[in-house]
Amino acid sequence: MKILLAVDGSDYSKRAVESIAARPWPADSEIKVLSAIELPFSPSPEVWALPDSYYAQLQKQATESATKAAQEAADFLTQTAATPLRISTATELGLAREVILDTAEKWEADLIVLGSHGYNAFKRFMLGSVSHAVATHAPCSVEIVRTRKAAHA
């Protein structure tokens, strides 16, 4: 079984990692831990007034954060998984929803697992919902791991 585990380092994605680690998966299951390198904006004429190094520094920090999130999740799975798993990590530059969907299709994932931030309707409208977009457009099954309000309040 090929499981794509999307993480961003948040408590919500950590719950998804814990959920994966706790289950007995079929022998030879593969987990690809994926983290998107999502930048707040792209270089455009509107932001050219910023120093040349500003965008490069943003990308460097986002890459470090994504790499750290993926590696921490992989390390946790390696140490605590209920069954032996083949684990790899990947980071990709782009919008999280697009990176997850593209990777799932190219890698031919059987299941995508990700955490939900639990946004209300207004925040979902304003910020977008990665989990909703993935669940709606995925080429395979999707599991959205939620946390109880009391657990993270």
Protein backbone atom coordinates (compact mmCIF):
# COMPACT_ATOMS: atom_id res chain seq x y z
CA MET A 1 0.00 0.00 0.00
CA LYS A 2 1.29 3.46 -0.90
CA ILE A 3 0.34 6.15 1.62
CA LEU A 4 1.05 9.81 1.01
CA LEU A 5 1.26 11.62 4.34
CA ALA A 6 1.09 15.40 3.94
CA VAL A 7 2.60 17.39 6.81
CA ASP A 8 3.25 21.03 7.60
CA GLY A 9 4.69 20.79 11.11
CA SER A 10 1.46 21.94 12.77
CA ASP A 11 -0.19 20.11 15.66
CA TYR A 12 -2.87 19.05 13.16
CA SER A 13 -0.40 17.30 10.90
CA LYS A 14 1.30 15.75 13.95
CA ARG A 15 -2.04 14.09 14.79
CA ALA A 16 -2.08 12.65 11.27
CA VAL A 17 1.46 11.28 11.78
CA GLU A 18 0.42 9.73 15.11
CA SER A 19 -2.61 8.17 13.42
CA ILE A 20 -0.42 6.54 10.78
CA ALA A 21 2.08 5.30 13.38
CA ALA A 22 -0.60 3.67 15.53
CA ARG A 23 -2.07 1.38 12.86
CA PRO A 24 -1.05 -2.04 11.63
CA TRP A 25 -0.45 -1.50 7.90
CA PRO A 26 -0.06 -4.33 5.39
CA ALA A 27 3.46 -5.72 4.95
CA ASP A 28 5.62 -3.69 2.57
CA SER A 29 3.52 -0.55 2.95
CA GLU A 30 5.26 2.61 1.79
CA ILE A 31 4.81 5.99 3.40
CA LYS A 32 5.90 9.10 1.53
CA VAL A 33 6.00 12.04 3.93
CA LEU A 34 5.42 15.17 1.86
CA SER A 35 5.71 18.80 2.84
CA ALA A 36 4.96 21.68 0.50
CA ILE A 37 7.24 24.69 0.29
CA GLU A 38 4.55 27.31 0.06
CA LEU A 39 5.68 30.92 -0.27
CA PRO A 40 3.45 33.82 0.74
CA PHE A 41 3.86 35.46 -2.69
CA SER A 42 5.72 35.07 -5.96
CA PRO A 43 8.15 37.61 -7.36
CA SER A 44 6.13 40.07 -9.41
CA PRO A 45 6.35 43.72 -10.45
CA GLU A 46 4.44 44.72 -7.31
CA VAL A 47 7.18 43.36 -5.03
CA TRP A 48 10.25 44.23 -7.11
CA ALA A 49 10.93 47.14 -4.77
CA LEU A 50 12.04 44.60 -2.17
CA PRO A 51 15.75 43.72 -2.00
CA ASP A 52 16.84 40.86 -4.30
CA SER A 53 17.72 38.70 -1.32
CA TYR A 54 14.27 39.01 0.30
CA TYR A 55 12.53 36.43 -1.89
CA ALA A 56 15.54 34.10 -1.75
CA GLN A 57 15.55 34.33 2.06
CA LEU A 58 11.80 33.58 2.21
CA GLN A 59 12.27 30.54 -0.01
CA LYS A 60 15.24 29.34 2.06
CA GLN A 61 13.25 29.61 5.31
CA ALA A 62 10.19 27.91 3.81
CA THR A 63 12.37 25.10 2.45
CA GLU A 64 14.04 24.58 5.83
CA SER A 65 10.66 24.51 7.57
CA ALA A 66 9.17 22.03 5.09
CA THR A 67 12.24 19.79 5.25
CA LYS A 68 12.18 19.83 9.05
CA ALA A 69 8.45 18.97 9.16
CA ALA A 70 8.90 16.03 6.78
CA GLN A 71 11.99 14.70 8.56
CA GLU A 72 10.44 14.96 12.03
CA ALA A 73 7.39 13.03 10.83
CA ALA A 74 9.58 10.36 9.20
CA ASP A 75 11.68 10.04 12.36
CA PHE A 76 8.56 9.66 14.51
CA LEU A 77 7.18 6.97 12.19
CA THR A 78 10.49 5.11 12.16
CA GLN A 79 10.64 5.07 15.97
CA THR A 80 7.00 4.37 16.82
CA ALA A 81 5.19 2.69 13.92
CA ALA A 82 3.16 -0.37 14.90
CA THR A 83 4.41 -2.24 11.81
CA PRO A 84 7.62 -1.89 9.78
CA LEU A 85 7.18 0.67 7.01
CA ARG A 86 9.24 1.88 4.08
CA ILE A 87 9.46 5.62 4.70
CA SER A 88 10.69 8.36 2.42
CA THR A 89 10.43 12.14 2.54
CA ALA A 90 9.87 14.75 -0.12
CA THR A 91 9.47 18.50 -0.30
CA GLU A 92 8.05 20.34 -3.29
CA LEU A 93 7.71 24.02 -4.10
CA GLY A 94 4.13 25.15 -4.70
CA LEU A 95 0.68 25.51 -3.21
CA ALA A 96 0.07 22.70 -0.72
CA ARG A 97 -3.14 21.45 -2.36
CA GLU A 98 -1.50 21.30 -5.79
CA VAL A 99 1.69 19.67 -4.50
CA ILE A 100 -0.30 16.99 -2.65
CA LEU A 101 -2.59 16.23 -5.58
CA ASP A 102 0.23 16.17 -8.15
CA THR A 103 2.43 13.95 -5.99
CA ALA A 104 -0.43 11.54 -5.26
CA GLU A 105 -1.14 11.16 -8.95
CA LYS A 106 2.49 10.80 -10.09
CA TRP A 107 3.42 8.45 -7.24
CA GLU A 108 0.16 6.51 -7.67
CA ALA A 109 -0.76 6.74 -4.00
CA ASP A 110 -3.46 4.46 -2.65
CA LEU A 111 -4.29 6.79 0.24
CA ILE A 112 -3.61 10.41 1.17
CA VAL A 113 -3.57 11.26 4.89
CA LEU A 114 -3.48 14.82 6.19
CA GLY A 115 -4.60 16.80 9.20
CA SER A 116 -7.42 19.31 9.23
CA HIS A 117 -7.00 22.72 10.77
CA GLY A 118 -10.72 22.73 11.49
CA TYR A 119 -11.45 26.16 10.03
CA ASN A 120 -14.99 27.44 10.26
CA ALA A 121 -16.81 28.34 7.04
CA PHE A 122 -15.59 31.97 6.99
CA LYS A 123 -11.90 31.10 7.52
CA ARG A 124 -12.19 28.29 4.97
CA PHE A 125 -13.59 30.81 2.47
CA MET A 126 -10.90 33.40 3.21
CA LEU A 127 -7.88 31.11 3.59
CA GLY A 128 -8.91 28.10 1.56
CA SER A 129 -8.92 24.58 2.85
CA VAL A 130 -6.17 22.25 1.73
CA SER A 131 -7.95 19.22 3.16
CA HIS A 132 -11.20 20.11 1.37
CA ALA A 133 -9.44 20.62 -1.96
CA VAL A 134 -7.53 17.35 -1.60
CA ALA A 135 -10.62 15.38 -0.57
CA THR A 136 -12.56 16.81 -3.51
CA HIS A 137 -9.97 16.31 -6.24
CA ALA A 138 -7.73 13.42 -5.15
CA PRO A 139 -7.09 10.50 -7.49
CA CYS A 140 -7.35 8.07 -4.55
CA SER A 141 -8.92 7.71 -1.11
CA VAL A 142 -8.30 10.50 1.40
CA GLU A 143 -8.28 10.44 5.18
CA ILE A 144 -8.55 13.72 7.02
CA VAL A 145 -7.43 13.43 10.63
CA ARG A 146 -9.24 15.82 12.93
CA THR A 147 -8.56 16.79 16.51
CA ARG A 148 -11.15 17.50 19.13
CA LYS A 149 -11.55 21.16 20.04
CA ALA A 150 -10.70 20.42 23.69
CA ALA A 151 -7.44 18.74 22.65
CA HIS A 152 -5.98 21.90 21.12
CA ALA A 153 -7.89 24.68 22.86
